[in-house]
Amino acid sequence: MDTDTVTLFFALLATLAQAVVVVAVVLAVGGRFVPAVARAGVAARAQVGPQALALAAVVALVCTLGSLYLSDGGHWFSNAPEFPPCKLCWYQRIAMYPQVVVLGIAALRRDRGVRVTGIVLSVIGGSVSIYHLLVERYPALSTSTSCDPTNPCGIKWVERFGYLTIPGMALSGFALIVVLLAVADPPARRPEETP
């Protein structure tokens, strides 16, 4: 599989994540003013809430595997080029990679208490993604102290649909994790499952 196909796949997933986030925001905000939207939001939350922790863990896993493929894995499967991660990419990874384990374990244990940790990590990672997007659009924001001159943060290795770059894909993942954790309501454990 070539890099173009893989980046298109990840761009489509990021676009889907963006659409879900927009729908969630419309339901949350519109529900305050329109009773029908509020009912739709409650119904959506009832459907997604029990699986939201597991879905958030899957999002974190896909984001992690995608970043690893783009930076190091492509050459293992094809003659694909590698995109070396810059400092800002590494900071985003620091916020994403642990969530695979943290959210995965929380989903298995049905532990809603992890929501704050996941949201904080996602907000931090999303903030770095936003700054990285700004650096890509306005390279003058990148100073010699914040980015490596041999691997500058302003390089757009990938651009899909005229706007979606690697940090934009990461931001989409972080935003979707926040939405999923906000609605997470795993079913209670049965008494025999209590540790």
N, C-alpha and C. Protein backbone atom coordinates (compact mmCIF):
# COMPACT_ATOMS: atom_id res chain seq x y z
N MET A 1 0.85 -1.16 0.00
CA MET A 1 0.00 0.00 0.00
C MET A 1 0.90 1.24 0.00
N ASP A 2 0.64 2.18 -0.88
CA ASP A 2 1.51 3.35 -0.96
C ASP A 2 1.05 4.45 0.01
N THR A 3 1.91 5.42 0.19
CA THR A 3 1.66 6.49 1.16
C THR A 3 0.43 7.31 0.79
N ASP A 4 0.22 7.54 -0.49
CA ASP A 4 -0.96 8.30 -0.90
C ASP A 4 -2.25 7.63 -0.46
N THR A 5 -2.32 6.33 -0.61
CA THR A 5 -3.51 5.59 -0.20
C THR A 5 -3.70 5.66 1.31
N VAL A 6 -2.61 5.48 2.04
CA VAL A 6 -2.68 5.50 3.50
C VAL A 6 -3.07 6.89 4.00
N THR A 7 -2.45 7.92 3.45
CA THR A 7 -2.80 9.27 3.91
C THR A 7 -4.24 9.63 3.53
N LEU A 8 -4.72 9.14 2.39
CA LEU A 8 -6.12 9.37 2.04
C LEU A 8 -7.04 8.67 3.05
N PHE A 9 -6.70 7.46 3.42
CA PHE A 9 -7.49 6.73 4.42
C PHE A 9 -7.53 7.49 5.74
N PHE A 10 -6.36 7.96 6.22
CA PHE A 10 -6.33 8.70 7.48
C PHE A 10 -7.05 10.05 7.36
N ALA A 11 -6.95 10.68 6.19
CA ALA A 11 -7.67 11.94 5.98
C ALA A 11 -9.18 11.73 6.01
N LEU A 12 -9.64 10.62 5.43
CA LEU A 12 -11.07 10.31 5.48
C LEU A 12 -11.52 10.04 6.92
N LEU A 13 -10.71 9.31 7.67
CA LEU A 13 -11.04 9.08 9.08
C LEU A 13 -11.07 10.40 9.86
N ALA A 14 -10.12 11.28 9.59
CA ALA A 14 -10.09 12.59 10.27
C ALA A 14 -11.31 13.42 9.90
N THR A 15 -11.73 13.35 8.65
CA THR A 15 -12.92 14.08 8.23
C THR A 15 -14.17 13.52 8.91
N LEU A 16 -14.24 12.21 9.03
CA LEU A 16 -15.35 11.58 9.76
C LEU A 16 -15.34 12.04 11.22
N ALA A 17 -14.15 12.08 11.83
CA ALA A 17 -14.03 12.55 13.22
C ALA A 17 -14.52 13.98 13.34
N GLN A 18 -14.15 14.82 12.39
CA GLN A 18 -14.59 16.21 12.41
C GLN A 18 -16.10 16.31 12.31
N ALA A 19 -16.70 15.50 11.45
CA ALA A 19 -18.16 15.51 11.29
C ALA A 19 -18.84 15.09 12.59
N VAL A 20 -18.32 14.06 13.25
CA VAL A 20 -18.90 13.61 14.52
C VAL A 20 -18.79 14.71 15.58
N VAL A 21 -17.65 15.38 15.64
CA VAL A 21 -17.47 16.46 16.61
C VAL A 21 -18.45 17.59 16.34
N VAL A 22 -18.62 17.96 15.07
CA VAL A 22 -19.56 19.03 14.73
C VAL A 22 -20.98 18.64 15.13
N VAL A 23 -21.39 17.41 14.84
CA VAL A 23 -22.73 16.95 15.22
C VAL A 23 -22.88 17.00 16.74
N ALA A 24 -21.86 16.56 17.47
CA ALA A 24 -21.93 16.58 18.94
C ALA A 24 -22.07 18.00 19.47
N VAL A 25 -21.33 18.93 18.89
CA VAL A 25 -21.43 20.33 19.33
C VAL A 25 -22.81 20.90 19.00
N VAL A 26 -23.33 20.60 17.81
CA VAL A 26 -24.67 21.07 17.44
C VAL A 26 -25.71 20.50 18.40
N LEU A 27 -25.61 19.22 18.72
CA LEU A 27 -26.56 18.61 19.66
C LEU A 27 -26.44 19.23 21.05
N ALA A 28 -25.21 19.48 21.49
CA ALA A 28 -25.00 20.03 22.84
C ALA A 28 -25.50 21.47 22.92
N VAL A 29 -25.13 22.29 21.94
CA VAL A 29 -25.52 23.70 21.98
C VAL A 29 -26.98 23.87 21.57
N GLY A 30 -27.37 23.23 20.48
CA GLY A 30 -28.75 23.35 20.02
C GLY A 30 -29.75 22.78 21.00
N GLY A 31 -29.33 21.77 21.77
CA GLY A 31 -30.20 21.17 22.76
C GLY A 31 -30.59 22.12 23.88
N ARG A 32 -29.82 23.15 24.07
CA ARG A 32 -30.15 24.14 25.10
C ARG A 32 -31.30 25.05 24.67
N PHE A 33 -31.56 25.10 23.36
CA PHE A 33 -32.55 26.04 22.85
C PHE A 33 -33.73 25.35 22.15
N VAL A 34 -33.51 24.17 21.63
CA VAL A 34 -34.55 23.48 20.86
C VAL A 34 -34.81 22.11 21.51
N PRO A 35 -36.02 21.90 22.04
CA PRO A 35 -36.32 20.63 22.71
C PRO A 35 -36.11 19.39 21.82
N ALA A 36 -36.42 19.48 20.54
CA ALA A 36 -36.24 18.32 19.66
C ALA A 36 -34.76 17.97 19.53
N VAL A 37 -33.91 18.97 19.46
CA VAL A 37 -32.46 18.73 19.40
C VAL A 37 -31.98 18.14 20.71
N ALA A 38 -32.53 18.60 21.83
CA ALA A 38 -32.17 18.05 23.14
C ALA A 38 -32.53 16.57 23.22
N ARG A 39 -33.71 16.21 22.70
CA ARG A 39 -34.11 14.80 22.71
C ARG A 39 -33.19 13.96 21.82
N ALA A 40 -32.82 14.51 20.68
CA ALA A 40 -31.89 13.80 19.79
C ALA A 40 -30.53 13.62 20.47
N GLY A 41 -30.09 14.63 21.21
CA GLY A 41 -28.82 14.53 21.94
C GLY A 41 -28.87 13.47 23.02
N VAL A 42 -29.98 13.40 23.74
CA VAL A 42 -30.14 12.38 24.79
C VAL A 42 -30.14 10.99 24.16
N ALA A 43 -30.83 10.85 23.05
CA ALA A 43 -30.88 9.54 22.37
C ALA A 43 -29.50 9.14 21.86
N ALA A 44 -28.77 10.09 21.29
CA ALA A 44 -27.43 9.80 20.79
C ALA A 44 -26.50 9.42 21.93
N ARG A 45 -26.60 10.12 23.02
CA ARG A 45 -25.75 9.82 24.18
C ARG A 45 -26.07 8.44 24.74
N ALA A 46 -27.35 8.08 24.76
CA ALA A 46 -27.75 6.76 25.26
C ALA A 46 -27.18 5.65 24.38
N GLN A 47 -27.08 5.90 23.07
CA GLN A 47 -26.54 4.90 22.16
C GLN A 47 -25.02 4.82 22.23
N VAL A 48 -24.36 5.96 22.30
CA VAL A 48 -22.89 6.00 22.23
C VAL A 48 -22.24 5.86 23.60
N GLY A 49 -22.89 6.37 24.63
CA GLY A 49 -22.29 6.43 25.97
C GLY A 49 -21.71 5.12 26.49
N PRO A 50 -22.43 4.00 26.39
CA PRO A 50 -21.89 2.75 26.92
C PRO A 50 -20.62 2.27 26.21
N GLN A 51 -20.44 2.64 24.94
CA GLN A 51 -19.26 2.21 24.19
C GLN A 51 -18.21 3.32 24.03
N ALA A 52 -18.47 4.48 24.59
CA ALA A 52 -17.62 5.64 24.32
C ALA A 52 -16.18 5.45 24.79
N LEU A 53 -15.96 4.82 25.94
CA LEU A 53 -14.58 4.60 26.41
C LEU A 53 -13.82 3.70 25.43
N ALA A 54 -14.46 2.64 25.00
CA ALA A 54 -13.81 1.74 24.05
C ALA A 54 -13.57 2.44 22.72
N LEU A 55 -14.52 3.23 22.26
CA LEU A 55 -14.34 3.97 21.01
C LEU A 55 -13.20 4.98 21.13
N ALA A 56 -13.09 5.64 22.28
CA ALA A 56 -11.99 6.60 22.49
C ALA A 56 -10.65 5.88 22.46
N ALA A 57 -10.59 4.68 23.04
CA ALA A 57 -9.35 3.90 23.00
C ALA A 57 -9.00 3.51 21.57
N VAL A 58 -10.01 3.16 20.77
CA VAL A 58 -9.78 2.82 19.36
C VAL A 58 -9.27 4.04 18.59
N VAL A 59 -9.86 5.21 18.86
CA VAL A 59 -9.39 6.43 18.19
C VAL A 59 -7.93 6.68 18.54
N ALA A 60 -7.58 6.57 19.82
CA ALA A 60 -6.18 6.77 20.23
C ALA A 60 -5.26 5.75 19.56
N LEU A 61 -5.70 4.51 19.45
CA LEU A 61 -4.89 3.47 18.81
C LEU A 61 -4.69 3.77 17.32
N VAL A 62 -5.75 4.15 16.63
CA VAL A 62 -5.64 4.46 15.20
C VAL A 62 -4.71 5.66 14.99
N CYS A 63 -4.85 6.69 15.82
CA CYS A 63 -3.96 7.85 15.71
C CYS A 63 -2.50 7.45 15.96
N THR A 64 -2.28 6.62 16.94
CA THR A 64 -0.93 6.16 17.26
C THR A 64 -0.35 5.35 16.11
N LEU A 65 -1.11 4.39 15.61
CA LEU A 65 -0.62 3.57 14.49
C LEU A 65 -0.40 4.42 13.24
N GLY A 66 -1.26 5.39 13.02
CA GLY A 66 -1.09 6.27 11.87
C GLY A 66 0.19 7.08 11.96
N SER A 67 0.46 7.63 13.13
CA SER A 67 1.69 8.43 13.28
C SER A 67 2.93 7.56 13.14
N LEU A 68 2.86 6.35 13.68
CA LEU A 68 4.01 5.44 13.54
C LEU A 68 4.21 5.02 12.09
N TYR A 69 3.13 4.76 11.38
CA TYR A 69 3.26 4.38 9.97
C TYR A 69 3.89 5.52 9.17
N LEU A 70 3.39 6.74 9.37
CA LEU A 70 3.87 7.86 8.57
C LEU A 70 5.33 8.21 8.88
N SER A 71 5.74 8.02 10.11
CA SER A 71 7.11 8.41 10.46
C SER A 71 8.12 7.28 10.30
N ASP A 72 7.67 6.03 10.43
CA ASP A 72 8.66 4.96 10.42
C ASP A 72 8.21 3.68 9.74
N GLY A 73 6.91 3.45 9.66
CA GLY A 73 6.44 2.16 9.21
C GLY A 73 6.26 2.00 7.73
N GLY A 74 6.13 3.10 7.01
CA GLY A 74 5.85 3.00 5.59
C GLY A 74 6.85 2.18 4.81
N HIS A 75 8.10 2.30 5.16
CA HIS A 75 9.12 1.57 4.40
C HIS A 75 9.09 0.07 4.69
N TRP A 76 8.44 -0.34 5.76
CA TRP A 76 8.33 -1.77 6.08
C TRP A 76 7.35 -2.47 5.15
N PHE A 77 6.35 -1.73 4.69
CA PHE A 77 5.29 -2.33 3.89
C PHE A 77 5.40 -2.00 2.40
N SER A 78 6.11 -0.96 2.09
CA SER A 78 6.25 -0.55 0.70
C SER A 78 7.48 0.34 0.60
N ASN A 79 7.68 0.90 -0.53
CA ASN A 79 8.79 1.81 -0.72
C ASN A 79 8.38 3.24 -0.36
N ALA A 80 7.49 3.37 0.60
CA ALA A 80 6.93 4.67 0.96
C ALA A 80 7.96 5.54 1.66
N PRO A 81 7.89 6.84 1.43
CA PRO A 81 8.80 7.74 2.13
C PRO A 81 8.41 7.85 3.59
N GLU A 82 9.36 8.21 4.40
CA GLU A 82 9.10 8.45 5.81
C GLU A 82 9.02 9.95 6.04
N PHE A 83 8.19 10.35 6.97
CA PHE A 83 8.06 11.75 7.34
C PHE A 83 8.58 11.89 8.77
N PRO A 84 9.82 12.36 8.94
CA PRO A 84 10.37 12.43 10.29
C PRO A 84 9.59 13.41 11.17
N PRO A 85 9.21 12.99 12.37
CA PRO A 85 8.43 13.87 13.24
C PRO A 85 9.28 15.03 13.77
N CYS A 86 8.70 16.21 13.76
CA CYS A 86 9.37 17.38 14.32
C CYS A 86 9.10 17.43 15.82
N LYS A 87 9.62 18.45 16.49
CA LYS A 87 9.41 18.56 17.94
C LYS A 87 7.93 18.66 18.30
N LEU A 88 7.18 19.45 17.54
CA LEU A 88 5.77 19.59 17.85
C LEU A 88 5.02 18.28 17.63
N CYS A 89 5.43 17.51 16.63
CA CYS A 89 4.83 16.18 16.43
C CYS A 89 5.09 15.30 17.65
N TRP A 90 6.31 15.37 18.17
CA TRP A 90 6.64 14.56 19.35
C TRP A 90 5.79 14.96 20.54
N TYR A 91 5.55 16.25 20.73
CA TYR A 91 4.72 16.69 21.86
C TYR A 91 3.28 16.18 21.70
N GLN A 92 2.78 16.16 20.47
CA GLN A 92 1.45 15.62 20.24
C GLN A 92 1.43 14.12 20.54
N ARG A 93 2.48 13.43 20.14
CA ARG A 93 2.56 11.99 20.41
C ARG A 93 2.61 11.72 21.91
N ILE A 94 3.29 12.56 22.65
CA ILE A 94 3.38 12.39 24.10
C ILE A 94 1.98 12.45 24.71
N ALA A 95 1.11 13.25 24.13
CA ALA A 95 -0.26 13.35 24.64
C ALA A 95 -1.17 12.23 24.12
N MET A 96 -0.83 11.63 22.98
CA MET A 96 -1.70 10.61 22.38
C MET A 96 -1.33 9.18 22.79
N TYR A 97 -0.06 8.84 22.70
CA TYR A 97 0.35 7.44 22.90
C TYR A 97 -0.10 6.84 24.23
N PRO A 98 0.06 7.53 25.36
CA PRO A 98 -0.37 6.90 26.62
C PRO A 98 -1.87 6.64 26.68
N GLN A 99 -2.63 7.38 25.89
CA GLN A 99 -4.08 7.20 25.95
C GLN A 99 -4.52 5.84 25.42
N VAL A 100 -3.72 5.23 24.57
CA VAL A 100 -4.06 3.89 24.09
C VAL A 100 -4.16 2.95 25.28
N VAL A 101 -3.18 2.99 26.15
CA VAL A 101 -3.16 2.11 27.32
C VAL A 101 -4.18 2.56 28.36
N VAL A 102 -4.16 3.85 28.69
CA VAL A 102 -5.04 4.37 29.74
C VAL A 102 -6.51 4.15 29.38
N LEU A 103 -6.89 4.53 28.17
CA LEU A 103 -8.29 4.37 27.78
C LEU A 103 -8.66 2.92 27.53
N GLY A 104 -7.71 2.14 27.03
CA GLY A 104 -7.97 0.71 26.83
C GLY A 104 -8.26 0.00 28.14
N ILE A 105 -7.44 0.25 29.14
CA ILE A 105 -7.67 -0.36 30.46
C ILE A 105 -8.96 0.15 31.06
N ALA A 106 -9.22 1.46 30.93
CA ALA A 106 -10.45 2.03 31.47
C ALA A 106 -11.68 1.41 30.80
N ALA A 107 -11.59 1.16 29.51
CA ALA A 107 -12.72 0.54 28.81
C ALA A 107 -12.96 -0.88 29.32
N LEU A 108 -11.89 -1.64 29.54
CA LEU A 108 -12.02 -3.00 30.05
C LEU A 108 -12.59 -3.01 31.46
N ARG A 109 -12.16 -2.03 32.26
CA ARG A 109 -12.62 -1.97 33.65
C ARG A 109 -13.92 -1.19 33.82
N ARG A 110 -14.38 -0.57 32.71
CA ARG A 110 -15.57 0.28 32.76
C ARG A 110 -15.39 1.40 33.78
N ASP A 111 -14.25 2.03 33.72
CA ASP A 111 -13.85 3.06 34.69
C ASP A 111 -14.06 4.45 34.12
N ARG A 112 -15.13 5.10 34.54
CA ARG A 112 -15.41 6.46 34.08
C ARG A 112 -14.44 7.47 34.65
N GLY A 113 -13.75 7.13 35.70
CA GLY A 113 -12.84 8.07 36.37
C GLY A 113 -11.69 8.52 35.50
N VAL A 114 -11.41 7.82 34.42
CA VAL A 114 -10.29 8.16 33.55
C VAL A 114 -10.64 9.34 32.63
N ARG A 115 -11.89 9.71 32.61
CA ARG A 115 -12.31 10.77 31.68
C ARG A 115 -11.51 12.05 31.85
N VAL A 116 -11.27 12.47 33.05
CA VAL A 116 -10.54 13.72 33.28
C VAL A 116 -9.12 13.61 32.72
N THR A 117 -8.46 12.50 32.99
CA THR A 117 -7.10 12.29 32.47
C THR A 117 -7.08 12.34 30.95
N GLY A 118 -8.00 11.62 30.32
CA GLY A 118 -8.05 11.60 28.86
C GLY A 118 -8.37 12.96 28.27
N ILE A 119 -9.30 13.68 28.89
CA ILE A 119 -9.66 15.01 28.38
C ILE A 119 -8.49 15.97 28.53
N VAL A 120 -7.81 15.93 29.68
CA VAL A 120 -6.66 16.82 29.89
C VAL A 120 -5.56 16.52 28.86
N LEU A 121 -5.22 15.26 28.67
CA LEU A 121 -4.20 14.90 27.68
C LEU A 121 -4.62 15.34 26.27
N SER A 122 -5.90 15.17 25.95
CA SER A 122 -6.38 15.54 24.62
C SER A 122 -6.39 17.06 24.43
N VAL A 123 -6.73 17.80 25.46
CA VAL A 123 -6.72 19.27 25.35
C VAL A 123 -5.28 19.77 25.18
N ILE A 124 -4.36 19.18 25.93
CA ILE A 124 -2.95 19.56 25.77
C ILE A 124 -2.46 19.21 24.36
N GLY A 125 -2.69 17.98 23.94
CA GLY A 125 -2.28 17.57 22.60
C GLY A 125 -2.96 18.37 21.51
N GLY A 126 -4.24 18.65 21.68
CA GLY A 126 -4.98 19.45 20.71
C GLY A 126 -4.46 20.87 20.64
N SER A 127 -4.06 21.42 21.77
CA SER A 127 -3.48 22.77 21.79
C SER A 127 -2.16 22.81 21.01
N VAL A 128 -1.35 21.78 21.20
CA VAL A 128 -0.09 21.69 20.44
C VAL A 128 -0.40 21.54 18.95
N SER A 129 -1.43 20.75 18.61
CA SER A 129 -1.83 20.59 17.21
C SER A 129 -2.25 21.92 16.60
N ILE A 130 -3.01 22.70 17.34
CA ILE A 130 -3.43 24.02 16.84
C ILE A 130 -2.22 24.90 16.58
N TYR A 131 -1.28 24.93 17.54
CA TYR A 131 -0.07 25.73 17.33
C TYR A 131 0.71 25.22 16.13
N HIS A 132 0.80 23.90 15.99
CA HIS A 132 1.51 23.31 14.86
C HIS A 132 0.85 23.70 13.54
N LEU A 133 -0.47 23.71 13.50
CA LEU A 133 -1.18 24.15 12.30
C LEU A 133 -0.85 25.61 11.98
N LEU A 134 -0.78 26.44 13.01
CA LEU A 134 -0.42 27.85 12.80
C LEU A 134 1.00 27.97 12.26
N VAL A 135 1.92 27.17 12.79
CA VAL A 135 3.30 27.20 12.30
C VAL A 135 3.37 26.76 10.85
N GLU A 136 2.56 25.76 10.48
CA GLU A 136 2.52 25.34 9.08
C GLU A 136 2.01 26.45 8.18
N ARG A 137 1.00 27.17 8.63
CA ARG A 137 0.41 28.24 7.82
C ARG A 137 1.26 29.50 7.82
N TYR A 138 1.89 29.77 8.97
CA TYR A 138 2.71 30.97 9.14
C TYR A 138 4.07 30.57 9.69
N PRO A 139 4.99 30.12 8.84
CA PRO A 139 6.29 29.63 9.31
C PRO A 139 7.08 30.63 10.13
N ALA A 140 6.78 31.91 10.03
CA ALA A 140 7.48 32.91 10.83
C ALA A 140 7.24 32.72 12.32
N LEU A 141 6.17 32.03 12.69
CA LEU A 141 5.90 31.75 14.11
C LEU A 141 6.92 30.79 14.70
N SER A 142 7.53 30.00 13.84
CA SER A 142 8.51 29.01 14.28
C SER A 142 9.84 29.72 14.56
N THR A 143 10.26 29.64 15.80
CA THR A 143 11.54 30.24 16.16
C THR A 143 12.60 29.16 16.21
N SER A 144 13.82 29.57 16.16
CA SER A 144 14.91 28.59 16.18
C SER A 144 14.95 27.81 17.49
N THR A 145 14.35 28.35 18.55
CA THR A 145 14.37 27.63 19.82
C THR A 145 13.24 26.61 19.93
N SER A 146 12.16 26.78 19.17
CA SER A 146 11.03 25.85 19.31
C SER A 146 11.08 24.70 18.31
N CYS A 147 11.77 24.88 17.18
CA CYS A 147 11.80 23.82 16.18
C CYS A 147 13.23 23.59 15.72
N ASP A 148 13.50 22.37 15.33
CA ASP A 148 14.81 21.96 14.85
C ASP A 148 15.03 22.49 13.44
N PRO A 149 16.11 23.24 13.20
CA PRO A 149 16.33 23.77 11.85
C PRO A 149 16.51 22.67 10.80
N THR A 150 16.97 21.49 11.20
CA THR A 150 17.15 20.41 10.22
C THR A 150 15.84 19.68 9.94
N ASN A 151 14.84 19.85 10.80
CA ASN A 151 13.52 19.24 10.60
C ASN A 151 12.48 20.26 11.08
N PRO A 152 12.26 21.31 10.32
CA PRO A 152 11.37 22.38 10.77
C PRO A 152 9.92 21.94 10.91
N CYS A 153 9.23 22.57 11.83
CA CYS A 153 7.83 22.23 12.11
C CYS A 153 6.88 22.76 11.04
N GLY A 154 7.34 23.65 10.20
CA GLY A 154 6.47 24.25 9.20
C GLY A 154 6.32 23.44 7.92
N ILE A 155 7.00 22.31 7.81
CA ILE A 155 6.90 21.49 6.60
C ILE A 155 5.56 20.76 6.59
N LYS A 156 4.87 20.85 5.45
CA LYS A 156 3.62 20.09 5.27
C LYS A 156 3.97 18.82 4.51
N TRP A 157 4.13 17.73 5.22
CA TRP A 157 4.46 16.46 4.57
C TRP A 157 3.27 15.93 3.78
N VAL A 158 2.08 16.20 4.29
CA VAL A 158 0.85 15.71 3.68
C VAL A 158 -0.16 16.84 3.72
N GLU A 159 -0.91 17.00 2.64
CA GLU A 159 -2.05 17.92 2.65
C GLU A 159 -3.16 17.31 1.81
N ARG A 160 -4.27 17.04 2.46
CA ARG A 160 -5.42 16.41 1.80
C ARG A 160 -6.62 17.36 1.84
N PHE A 161 -7.42 17.30 0.81
CA PHE A 161 -8.65 18.08 0.71
C PHE A 161 -8.40 19.58 0.81
N GLY A 162 -7.17 20.01 0.56
CA GLY A 162 -6.84 21.41 0.54
C GLY A 162 -6.63 22.05 1.90
N TYR A 163 -6.77 21.29 2.97
CA TYR A 163 -6.59 21.88 4.30
C TYR A 163 -6.06 20.91 5.35
N LEU A 164 -6.20 19.64 5.13
CA LEU A 164 -5.94 18.66 6.18
C LEU A 164 -4.50 18.15 6.12
N THR A 165 -3.71 18.52 7.13
CA THR A 165 -2.32 18.07 7.24
C THR A 165 -2.21 17.12 8.43
N ILE A 166 -1.02 16.62 8.67
CA ILE A 166 -0.83 15.66 9.76
C ILE A 166 -1.26 16.24 11.12
N PRO A 167 -0.86 17.47 11.48
CA PRO A 167 -1.35 18.01 12.75
C PRO A 167 -2.88 18.20 12.77
N GLY A 168 -3.48 18.48 11.62
CA GLY A 168 -4.93 18.58 11.55
C GLY A 168 -5.60 17.24 11.80
N MET A 169 -4.97 16.19 11.30
CA MET A 169 -5.49 14.85 11.57
C MET A 169 -5.38 14.53 13.06
N ALA A 170 -4.25 14.91 13.66
CA ALA A 170 -4.08 14.68 15.09
C ALA A 170 -5.11 15.46 15.89
N LEU A 171 -5.33 16.72 15.51
CA LEU A 171 -6.33 17.55 16.20
C LEU A 171 -7.72 16.91 16.09
N SER A 172 -8.04 16.35 14.95
CA SER A 172 -9.33 15.68 14.77
C SER A 172 -9.46 14.51 15.74
N GLY A 173 -8.38 13.74 15.90
CA GLY A 173 -8.39 12.62 16.85
C GLY A 173 -8.56 13.09 18.28
N PHE A 174 -7.81 14.13 18.66
CA PHE A 174 -7.92 14.66 20.02
C PHE A 174 -9.35 15.16 20.29
N ALA A 175 -9.93 15.88 19.33
CA ALA A 175 -11.27 16.43 19.51
C ALA A 175 -12.30 15.31 19.65
N LEU A 176 -12.17 14.27 18.84
CA LEU A 176 -13.11 13.15 18.93
C LEU A 176 -12.97 12.43 20.27
N ILE A 177 -11.76 12.28 20.77
CA ILE A 177 -11.57 11.65 22.08
C ILE A 177 -12.26 12.48 23.17
N VAL A 178 -12.12 13.81 23.11
CA VAL A 178 -12.78 14.67 24.10
C VAL A 178 -14.30 14.46 24.05
N VAL A 179 -14.87 14.45 22.86
CA VAL A 179 -16.32 14.26 22.73
C VAL A 179 -16.74 12.91 23.28
N LEU A 180 -16.01 11.87 22.91
CA LEU A 180 -16.36 10.53 23.39
C LEU A 180 -16.25 10.42 24.90
N LEU A 181 -15.21 11.02 25.48
CA LEU A 181 -15.07 10.97 26.94
C LEU A 181 -16.13 11.80 27.63
N ALA A 182 -16.57 12.88 26.99
CA ALA A 182 -17.61 13.71 27.58
C ALA A 182 -18.94 12.97 27.68
N VAL A 183 -19.20 12.05 26.75
CA VAL A 183 -20.47 11.31 26.76
C VAL A 183 -20.33 9.91 27.34
N ALA A 184 -19.12 9.53 27.74
CA ALA A 184 -18.88 8.16 28.22
C ALA A 184 -19.73 7.87 29.46
N ASP A 185 -20.44 6.79 29.37
CA ASP A 185 -21.26 6.32 30.49
C ASP A 185 -21.32 4.80 30.41
N PRO A 186 -20.19 4.16 30.78
CA PRO A 186 -20.16 2.70 30.65
C PRO A 186 -21.17 2.05 31.58
N PRO A 187 -21.71 0.91 31.17
CA PRO A 187 -22.65 0.21 32.04
C PRO A 187 -21.95 -0.21 33.33
N ALA A 188 -22.72 -0.24 34.39
CA ALA A 188 -22.16 -0.62 35.68
C ALA A 188 -21.72 -2.09 35.65
N ARG A 189 -20.72 -2.39 36.44
CA ARG A 189 -20.28 -3.78 36.55
C ARG A 189 -21.32 -4.59 37.30
N ARG A 190 -21.39 -5.84 36.91
CA ARG A 190 -22.22 -6.77 37.68
C ARG A 190 -21.45 -7.11 38.96
N PRO A 191 -22.14 -7.46 40.02
CA PRO A 191 -21.44 -7.73 41.30
C PRO A 191 -20.34 -8.77 41.18
N GLU A 192 -20.52 -9.79 40.33
CA GLU A 192 -19.49 -10.83 40.22
C GLU A 192 -18.25 -10.34 39.50
N GLU A 193 -18.32 -9.17 38.82
CA GLU A 193 -17.17 -8.61 38.11
C GLU A 193 -16.33 -7.67 38.97
N THR A 194 -16.82 -7.33 40.14
CA THR A 194 -16.11 -6.40 41.01
C THR A 194 -14.82 -7.04 41.51
N PRO A 195 -13.68 -6.31 41.37
CA PRO A 195 -12.39 -6.90 41.79
C PRO A 195 -12.29 -7.07 43.29
